[in-house]
Protein backbone atom coordinates (compact mmCIF):
# COMPACT_ATOMS: atom_id res chain seq x y z
CA MET A 1 22.79 -19.04 57.07
CA ARG A 2 21.28 -22.22 54.83
CA VAL A 3 17.42 -21.31 53.91
CA GLU A 4 15.21 -24.01 52.68
CA VAL A 5 11.55 -23.46 50.68
CA VAL A 6 8.80 -25.73 51.28
CA ALA A 7 5.65 -25.10 49.08
CA ILE A 8 2.44 -27.11 50.45
CA GLY A 9 -0.69 -27.58 48.09
CA THR A 10 -1.83 -30.34 46.46
CA GLU A 11 -2.48 -28.32 43.24
CA LEU A 12 1.13 -27.57 42.92
CA LEU A 13 2.04 -31.21 42.42
CA LEU A 14 -1.03 -31.71 39.94
CA GLY A 15 0.42 -28.46 37.63
CA GLN A 16 -2.74 -26.68 38.50
CA ILE A 17 -0.95 -23.58 39.69
CA VAL A 18 2.69 -23.19 38.46
CA ASP A 19 4.68 -22.73 41.87
CA THR A 20 6.30 -18.81 41.20
CA ASN A 21 6.27 -18.68 45.02
CA SER A 22 9.62 -20.51 45.47
CA SER A 23 11.33 -18.86 42.42
CA TRP A 24 10.38 -15.49 43.98
CA ILE A 25 11.50 -16.53 47.63
CA GLY A 26 14.61 -17.71 46.43
CA GLU A 27 15.58 -14.34 44.15
CA GLN A 28 15.17 -12.38 47.79
CA LEU A 29 17.28 -14.81 49.27
CA ALA A 30 20.15 -14.76 46.93
CA SER A 31 19.76 -10.93 47.19
CA ALA A 32 19.99 -11.38 50.78
CA GLY A 33 22.87 -13.42 50.45
CA LEU A 34 21.39 -15.92 52.26
CA ASP A 35 22.16 -19.46 50.81
CA SER A 36 18.99 -21.64 49.84
CA PHE A 37 20.04 -24.99 48.11
CA TYR A 38 16.80 -26.44 48.37
CA GLN A 39 13.23 -25.92 47.50
CA THR A 40 10.18 -28.67 48.11
CA LYS A 41 6.98 -29.26 47.14
CA VAL A 42 4.54 -31.24 49.29
CA GLY A 43 0.90 -32.07 48.89
CA ASP A 44 -1.94 -31.36 51.41
CA ASN A 45 -1.22 -34.35 53.70
CA PRO A 46 -0.23 -33.97 57.27
CA ALA A 47 2.45 -36.92 57.21
CA ARG A 48 3.88 -36.03 54.14
CA ILE A 49 3.87 -32.42 54.81
CA ARG A 50 5.81 -33.25 58.36
CA VAL A 51 8.56 -35.79 56.27
CA ALA A 52 9.41 -32.71 54.38
CA MET A 53 9.13 -30.06 56.96
CA GLU A 54 11.78 -32.36 59.26
CA LEU A 55 14.29 -32.91 55.96
CA ALA A 56 13.99 -29.17 55.57
CA LEU A 57 15.28 -28.42 59.14
CA GLY A 58 17.48 -31.33 58.85
CA ARG A 59 19.84 -29.80 56.45
CA SER A 60 18.91 -26.06 56.76
CA ASP A 61 19.17 -23.64 59.40
CA ALA A 62 15.44 -21.91 58.72
CA VAL A 63 12.34 -22.92 56.68
CA ILE A 64 9.89 -20.83 54.62
CA CYS A 65 6.51 -22.82 54.73
CA CYS A 66 4.72 -21.56 51.72
CA GLY A 67 0.54 -22.45 51.38
CA GLY A 68 -1.57 -23.77 53.35
CA LEU A 69 -2.53 -21.34 55.51
CA GLY A 70 -6.55 -21.13 55.25
CA PRO A 71 -9.92 -21.69 56.53
CA THR A 72 -10.41 -24.93 55.15
CA GLN A 73 -9.95 -28.23 56.38
CA ASP A 74 -7.15 -29.34 53.85
CA ASP A 75 -4.84 -26.08 55.31
CA LEU A 76 -2.59 -27.86 57.60
CA THR A 77 0.34 -25.97 57.66
CA ARG A 78 -0.02 -24.76 61.08
CA ASP A 79 -0.86 -28.51 62.36
CA VAL A 80 1.78 -29.98 61.43
CA ILE A 81 4.47 -26.90 62.44
CA ALA A 82 2.74 -27.26 66.08
CA GLU A 83 3.50 -31.02 65.88
CA VAL A 84 6.97 -30.37 64.79
CA MET A 85 7.59 -27.43 67.53
CA GLY A 86 6.16 -30.50 70.41
CA VAL A 87 3.57 -27.67 71.10
CA ASP A 88 -0.49 -27.27 71.10
CA LEU A 89 -2.07 -24.87 68.87
CA GLU A 90 -3.93 -21.77 70.79
CA LEU A 91 -6.91 -19.73 69.61
CA ASP A 92 -4.87 -15.69 69.49
CA GLU A 93 -7.87 -13.41 70.03
CA SER A 94 -6.37 -10.61 68.31
CA ILE A 95 -5.95 -12.50 65.02
CA ALA A 96 -9.75 -13.42 65.56
CA ASP A 97 -11.00 -10.34 66.17
CA ARG A 98 -8.89 -9.23 63.45
CA ILE A 99 -10.27 -11.22 60.83
CA ARG A 100 -14.04 -10.64 61.82
CA ARG A 101 -13.65 -6.76 61.53
CA MET A 102 -12.03 -7.49 57.99
CA PHE A 103 -15.30 -9.50 57.00
CA THR A 104 -17.52 -6.57 58.51
CA SER A 105 -15.82 -4.09 56.76
CA ARG A 106 -16.48 -5.67 53.81
CA GLY A 107 -20.23 -6.03 54.80
CA ARG A 108 -20.20 -9.90 55.49
CA VAL A 109 -20.61 -12.06 58.61
CA MET A 110 -17.55 -14.63 59.18
CA PRO A 111 -17.82 -18.32 58.80
CA GLU A 112 -16.48 -19.97 62.00
CA ASN A 113 -14.26 -21.98 59.71
CA ASN A 114 -11.65 -19.14 59.15
CA LEU A 115 -11.39 -19.22 63.09
CA ARG A 116 -8.97 -21.46 62.26
CA GLN A 117 -6.79 -19.15 60.51
CA ALA A 118 -6.66 -17.74 64.25
CA MET A 119 -5.21 -20.81 65.73
CA VAL A 120 -1.17 -20.34 65.89
CA PRO A 121 1.12 -22.79 67.67
CA SER A 122 2.41 -22.14 71.19
CA GLY A 123 5.70 -20.23 71.39
CA ALA A 124 5.14 -18.37 67.83
CA SER A 125 5.14 -15.26 67.09
CA ILE A 126 2.64 -13.21 64.40
CA MET A 127 4.05 -11.53 62.05
CA ASP A 128 3.23 -7.54 61.70
CA GLN A 129 1.88 -7.74 57.88
CA MET A 130 -1.16 -8.91 57.16
CA PRO A 131 -2.96 -8.38 54.02
CA GLY A 132 -5.49 -11.06 54.49
CA THR A 133 -7.20 -13.56 56.70
CA ALA A 134 -4.03 -15.94 57.21
CA PRO A 135 -1.32 -14.64 60.09
CA GLY A 136 2.47 -14.88 59.00
CA LEU A 137 3.97 -16.93 61.58
CA VAL A 138 7.87 -17.32 62.82
CA CYS A 139 8.13 -20.57 64.67
CA PRO A 140 10.98 -21.71 66.66
CA VAL A 141 11.92 -24.78 66.70
CA ALA A 142 13.71 -26.18 70.09
CA ALA A 143 17.11 -27.99 69.61
CA ASP A 144 15.51 -30.88 71.22
CA ARG A 145 12.89 -31.23 68.64
CA SER A 146 15.47 -30.60 65.93
CA PRO A 147 16.75 -33.69 63.56
CA ASP A 148 20.01 -32.16 64.32
CA GLY A 149 19.76 -31.10 67.74
CA GLU A 150 20.19 -27.38 66.83
CA ALA A 151 17.65 -24.81 67.41
CA LYS A 152 16.37 -23.72 64.15
CA VAL A 153 13.25 -21.21 63.11
CA ILE A 154 10.05 -22.17 60.65
CA TYR A 155 8.12 -19.09 58.78
CA ALA A 156 4.76 -19.97 57.50
CA VAL A 157 3.48 -17.59 54.76
CA PRO A 158 0.23 -18.09 52.79
CA GLY A 159 0.38 -19.22 49.36
CA VAL A 160 -1.88 -15.99 47.92
CA PRO A 161 1.67 -14.48 46.13
CA TYR A 162 0.66 -10.72 47.12
CA GLU A 163 0.29 -11.44 50.66
CA MET A 164 3.34 -13.81 51.10
CA LYS A 165 5.03 -11.22 49.20
CA GLU A 166 4.40 -8.32 51.86
CA MET A 167 5.66 -10.77 54.71
CA VAL A 168 8.44 -11.95 53.04
CA GLU A 169 10.09 -8.59 52.42
CA GLY A 170 8.67 -7.41 55.77
CA THR A 171 9.15 -10.17 58.05
CA VAL A 172 11.82 -12.91 57.02
CA ILE A 173 14.13 -11.58 55.07
CA PRO A 174 15.23 -8.74 57.94
CA ASP A 175 14.65 -11.58 60.75
CA LEU A 176 16.84 -14.15 58.64
CA ILE A 177 19.44 -11.44 57.94
CA ALA A 178 19.47 -10.66 61.92
CA ARG A 179 19.81 -14.30 62.73
CA SER A 180 22.61 -14.76 60.18
CA GLY A 181 24.92 -12.08 62.01
CA GLU A 182 26.95 -11.83 58.31
CA PRO A 183 25.48 -9.78 56.24
CA ALA A 184 26.50 -9.97 52.61
CA ILE A 185 24.90 -9.31 49.50
CA ILE A 186 24.73 -11.77 46.07
CA ARG A 187 23.85 -10.44 42.89
CA SER A 188 23.06 -12.25 39.47
CA ARG A 189 23.89 -10.96 35.82
CA VAL A 190 21.91 -12.85 33.38
CA LEU A 191 24.01 -12.18 29.62
CA ARG A 192 21.46 -13.68 26.79
CA THR A 193 23.39 -14.94 24.03
CA TRP A 194 22.16 -16.36 20.36
CA GLY A 195 24.17 -18.65 17.93
CA ALA A 196 26.08 -21.02 19.70
CA SER A 197 25.08 -24.02 21.83
CA GLU A 198 25.45 -24.93 24.75
CA SER A 199 28.05 -27.12 24.68
CA GLY A 200 30.16 -24.94 22.40
CA LEU A 201 29.94 -22.39 25.04
CA ALA A 202 30.81 -24.43 27.37
CA GLU A 203 33.67 -25.50 25.70
CA THR A 204 34.79 -21.35 24.58
CA LEU A 205 34.11 -20.67 28.14
CA GLY A 206 35.59 -23.93 29.86
CA PRO A 207 38.95 -22.62 30.89
CA ARG A 208 37.64 -19.38 32.74
CA ILE A 209 35.52 -22.07 34.41
CA ASP A 210 37.94 -23.78 35.56
CA GLU A 211 39.44 -20.70 36.98
CA LEU A 212 36.42 -19.82 38.81
CA ASP A 213 35.78 -23.37 39.92
CA GLU A 214 39.10 -22.45 42.06
CA LEU A 215 38.58 -18.79 43.42
CA GLY A 216 34.85 -19.41 43.98
CA ASN A 217 33.59 -16.32 43.48
CA PRO A 218 31.95 -15.13 41.19
CA THR A 219 30.20 -18.42 39.38
CA ILE A 220 28.99 -19.27 36.15
CA ALA A 221 25.81 -21.19 35.57
CA PHE A 222 24.20 -21.69 31.70
CA LEU A 223 20.55 -21.93 31.10
CA ALA A 224 19.26 -23.17 27.62
CA SER A 225 15.93 -20.76 27.05
CA GLY A 226 14.73 -21.37 24.04
CA VAL A 227 13.68 -18.55 21.85
CA GLU A 228 14.98 -16.35 24.80
CA GLY A 229 18.32 -17.23 23.93
CA LEU A 230 21.23 -19.18 25.52
CA LYS A 231 21.96 -17.30 29.37
CA VAL A 232 25.06 -17.11 30.81
CA ARG A 233 24.37 -16.23 34.47
CA ILE A 234 27.21 -14.42 36.54
CA THR A 235 26.64 -14.46 40.26
CA ALA A 236 28.82 -13.11 42.53
CA LYS A 237 28.49 -12.62 46.61
CA ALA A 238 30.18 -9.93 48.55
CA PRO A 239 29.54 -7.63 51.85
CA ASP A 240 27.75 -4.97 50.01
CA ALA A 241 25.81 -4.20 46.63
CA GLU A 242 28.74 -2.15 45.38
CA GLN A 243 31.61 -4.33 45.67
CA ALA A 244 29.13 -7.27 44.14
CA ASP A 245 28.31 -4.78 41.53
CA ALA A 246 32.30 -4.32 40.97
CA ILE A 247 33.19 -8.20 40.24
CA LEU A 248 29.98 -8.76 38.18
CA ALA A 249 30.86 -5.38 35.65
CA ASP A 250 34.68 -7.11 35.77
CA GLU A 251 33.51 -10.69 35.20
CA GLU A 252 30.88 -9.08 32.35
CA LYS A 253 33.90 -7.54 30.35
CA LEU A 254 35.78 -10.44 30.56
CA LEU A 255 33.26 -12.90 29.04
CA ARG A 256 31.99 -10.65 26.64
CA SER A 257 35.59 -10.26 25.28
CA LEU A 258 35.23 -14.17 25.07
CA MET A 259 31.85 -14.65 23.37
CA GLY A 260 32.04 -11.68 21.04
CA ASP A 261 29.11 -10.61 19.50
CA ILE A 262 26.88 -13.25 20.36
CA VAL A 263 25.92 -11.71 23.30
CA PHE A 264 22.58 -9.87 22.63
CA ALA A 265 21.12 -8.42 25.85
CA THR A 266 21.74 -8.21 29.16
CA ASP A 267 19.38 -9.70 32.50
CA ASP A 268 15.73 -8.26 31.24
CA ASP A 269 16.32 -6.81 27.74
CA ASN A 270 15.54 -9.30 24.77
CA MET A 271 16.37 -9.36 21.04
CA GLU A 272 13.78 -7.16 20.37
CA THR A 273 14.13 -4.33 22.63
CA VAL A 274 17.66 -4.15 21.69
CA VAL A 275 17.08 -3.76 17.97
CA LEU A 276 14.48 -1.43 18.79
CA ARG A 277 16.54 0.55 21.00
CA GLU A 278 19.31 0.61 18.34
CA LEU A 279 16.66 1.99 15.72
CA GLY A 280 15.66 4.23 17.44
CA ARG A 281 18.69 5.65 17.93
CA ARG A 282 19.27 5.81 14.78
CA GLY A 283 16.15 7.76 13.80
CA LEU A 284 14.86 4.47 11.64
CA THR A 285 11.29 3.44 11.72
CA LEU A 286 10.19 -0.47 11.06
CA ALA A 287 7.88 -2.44 9.23
CA VAL A 288 7.18 -6.46 9.01
CA ALA A 289 5.68 -8.66 6.46
CA GLU A 290 5.28 -12.28 7.65
CA SER A 291 3.83 -15.50 6.11
CA ILE A 292 5.56 -18.43 7.89
CA THR A 293 5.33 -16.61 11.44
CA GLY A 294 2.05 -15.62 11.34
CA GLY A 295 2.48 -12.25 13.62
CA TYR A 296 4.76 -13.66 16.17
CA LEU A 297 7.21 -11.02 15.08
CA ALA A 298 5.29 -8.03 15.34
CA GLY A 299 3.71 -9.59 18.41
CA ARG A 300 7.30 -9.52 19.85
CA ILE A 301 7.95 -6.47 18.37
CA CYS A 302 4.64 -4.44 20.04
CA ALA A 303 5.35 -6.04 23.41
CA VAL A 304 8.46 -3.74 24.13
CA ASP A 305 7.05 -0.59 25.78
CA GLY A 306 7.36 2.94 23.17
CA ALA A 307 7.44 0.18 20.40
CA SER A 308 5.45 2.90 18.42
CA LYS A 309 8.19 5.11 17.96
CA VAL A 310 9.75 2.74 15.65
CA PHE A 311 7.21 -0.06 14.26
CA ARG A 312 5.03 1.15 12.14
CA GLY A 313 2.87 -1.71 11.42
CA GLY A 314 2.96 -5.42 9.84
CA VAL A 315 0.86 -7.16 7.59
CA VAL A 316 0.78 -11.10 7.36
CA ALA A 317 0.60 -12.25 4.18
CA TYR A 318 0.10 -15.70 4.65
CA HIS A 319 -1.80 -16.85 1.03
CA ALA A 320 0.33 -16.36 -1.76
CA ASP A 321 -2.31 -13.94 -3.34
CA ILE A 322 -1.73 -11.36 -0.46
CA LYS A 323 2.30 -11.70 -1.30
CA PHE A 324 1.50 -11.15 -5.23
CA GLY A 325 -0.74 -8.21 -4.74
CA LEU A 326 -0.48 -6.48 -1.71
CA LEU A 327 3.32 -6.73 -1.47
CA ASP A 328 4.08 -6.85 -5.06
CA VAL A 329 5.75 -9.99 -5.14
CA PRO A 330 6.57 -11.66 -8.33
CA GLU A 331 4.59 -14.31 -9.25
CA GLY A 332 6.12 -17.65 -8.88
CA PRO A 333 7.35 -19.56 -5.99
CA VAL A 334 7.15 -17.81 -2.42
CA VAL A 335 9.89 -20.17 -0.40
CA THR A 336 12.90 -17.86 -1.71
CA GLU A 337 15.03 -15.90 -0.67
CA GLU A 338 13.87 -13.52 -4.16
CA ALA A 339 10.05 -13.80 -2.61
CA ALA A 340 11.46 -12.55 0.77
CA GLN A 341 13.42 -10.04 -0.11
CA ALA A 342 10.41 -8.81 -2.19
CA MET A 343 8.36 -8.85 0.35
CA ALA A 344 10.45 -6.74 2.90
CA ASP A 345 10.72 -4.13 0.20
CA GLY A 346 7.07 -4.12 -0.66
CA VAL A 347 6.38 -3.55 3.40
CA ARG A 348 8.54 -1.13 3.56
CA ARG A 349 6.87 0.72 0.49
CA ARG A 350 3.31 0.26 2.02
CA PHE A 351 4.06 1.67 5.34
CA GLY A 352 6.30 4.37 4.68
CA ALA A 353 9.50 2.54 6.54
CA ASP A 354 12.84 2.57 6.62
CA ILE A 355 13.58 -0.80 7.01
CA GLY A 356 11.28 -4.32 6.18
CA LEU A 357 11.46 -7.32 7.42
CA ALA A 358 10.41 -10.59 6.13
CA THR A 359 9.67 -14.21 6.73
CA THR A 360 8.32 -16.94 4.48
CA GLY A 361 8.53 -20.95 4.79
CA VAL A 362 7.38 -24.37 5.49
CA ALA A 363 6.02 -24.86 8.53
CA GLY A 364 4.73 -28.27 7.70
CA PRO A 365 3.53 -30.78 8.19
CA THR A 366 4.57 -31.80 4.37
CA GLU A 367 6.84 -30.00 2.54
CA ALA A 368 5.61 -27.36 0.07
CA GLU A 369 7.12 -26.07 -3.34
CA GLY A 370 9.26 -29.07 -3.40
CA ARG A 371 11.20 -27.53 0.15
CA PRO A 372 11.15 -29.54 3.05
CA VAL A 373 9.89 -28.80 6.46
CA GLY A 374 11.22 -26.37 8.20
CA THR A 375 12.72 -24.30 5.14
CA VAL A 376 12.62 -20.69 6.28
CA CYS A 377 13.28 -17.59 4.04
CA VAL A 378 14.26 -14.08 5.82
CA ALA A 379 15.18 -10.91 4.60
CA ILE A 380 15.61 -7.01 5.23
CA GLY A 381 15.17 -4.16 2.73
CA GLY A 382 16.31 -0.92 3.56
CA LEU A 383 19.48 -1.51 4.55
CA ASP A 384 20.91 0.72 1.46
CA ASP A 385 18.48 3.40 1.87
CA ALA A 386 19.90 3.83 5.54
CA GLY A 387 23.54 3.38 4.82
CA ILE A 388 23.82 0.24 6.40
CA GLY A 389 24.84 -1.66 3.83
CA SER A 390 23.79 -4.11 1.28
CA ASP A 391 20.08 -6.07 1.81
CA ALA A 392 19.97 -9.14 3.26
CA ALA A 393 18.39 -12.13 2.48
CA THR A 394 18.99 -15.99 4.10
CA THR A 395 17.72 -19.08 3.69
CA LEU A 396 17.58 -21.21 6.64
CA GLN A 397 17.24 -25.11 7.73
CA LEU A 398 15.18 -24.92 11.04
CA PRO A 399 14.45 -27.62 13.26
CA GLY A 400 11.22 -28.78 15.34
CA ASP A 401 7.61 -28.53 14.95
CA ARG A 402 5.29 -25.20 13.65
CA GLU A 403 5.65 -23.29 16.88
CA ARG A 404 9.59 -23.93 17.43
CA ILE A 405 10.23 -22.89 13.86
CA ARG A 406 7.74 -19.85 13.84
CA GLN A 407 9.74 -18.49 17.05
CA PHE A 408 13.69 -19.33 15.99
CA SER A 409 12.73 -17.61 12.61
CA THR A 410 11.53 -14.42 14.37
CA ILE A 411 14.54 -14.60 16.60
CA GLY A 412 17.30 -15.47 14.11
CA LEU A 413 15.70 -12.12 11.85
CA LEU A 414 15.93 -9.80 14.57
CA ASN A 415 19.29 -11.17 15.06
CA MET A 416 20.39 -10.83 11.86
CA LEU A 417 19.53 -7.14 12.15
CA ARG A 418 21.11 -6.25 15.06
CA LEU A 419 23.91 -7.84 13.75
CA ARG A 420 23.83 -5.49 11.10
CA LEU A 421 23.31 -2.36 12.91
CA LEU A 422 25.88 -3.34 14.95
CA ALA A 423 28.81 -3.96 11.78
CA ASP A 424 26.95 -1.11 10.43
CA GLY A 425 27.95 -2.26 7.00
CA SER A 426 29.58 -5.17 7.53
CA SER A 427 27.99 -8.76 6.52
CA ALA A 428 26.42 -10.44 9.17
CA SER A 429 25.46 -14.12 8.97
CA ILE A 430 22.72 -16.05 11.00
CA SER A 431 23.51 -19.46 13.16
CA PHE A 432 21.41 -21.60 15.04
């Protein structure tokens, strides 16, 4: 069963709204074991909408149209679907009454325009779910109206996310599974890595990728995600969830053996959740002193649920005087490993934390202290006292603009601490 998504709305093309609906629908289709090879966005133009629908019908068994079911003149989805089906639109009095009751319950009078939402292509059925004023539609397309001469189906759901999700979960997915007659489950697992390039990782995993190309299941794909790391997605297809999860577990074990400790997290975990979890397991607390990262490090940490169990607080010591006066950094250059180490030790003392992290460097646009843009010094303090090994400081030369330098400094330093905790005393370095 091949299913295609057509998202309708000029605002999607103009970038005024990000099309998160299509990606969410894609996830639901994959979880249900339904193949989806194409997604299309099209503006509010009837001719172009029809072309998009007919193209989708010609290469897929079912089409999910998202958006264009509102009450205004540019909501054209139902009109185009009726044209594609070769039928007329008919007023569904039960839907009209339901819309009127919705307005009455809110103490409002229904504008006549809303009756457009009660117009239904002849032969279409209404989805049971209707959280808003737009009904979802299940629209059969007869074989003689289909581009390839086979009977198809179009599902029309609103663009409002919570309305769309209720209909997709309640009607669309169950109906597609019933039509497919081949129940299957597609599961994915994402391994997040830091410290290898995409080309380098592809080379490391090349022999395994070749093997999987022959097997066909599971599959591996790469996704470069900037500050979130280079992701390796494993996808498995099986008759049920238990078998799919078993395939994923076996493949994850194999890939971890090939990639080693550059794998820092799985699925929705990220660098900071992994680090905080390990610090919490060891009963250690954390404080941070930031210069070049300007609070980005603390912000990432505070975004983790339960961070207060580990995180004591932080200081944005952007001006040199703050470094000297508050953190007891010795007078002199501040873009050095020695200054970063003093910052890490100083914030640890100030906040009574076991571990201190620090960043200092040159974000640009020009060099400072004779050091080029992108020079970053990071440090960890408290490792000795915590029995994890020697305190660590290093200098990095990072590419990119100010924002990328701040992001990479943050994740690189957290990764440095992660590797120290993982090695429990052995040396660890940062790779970019």
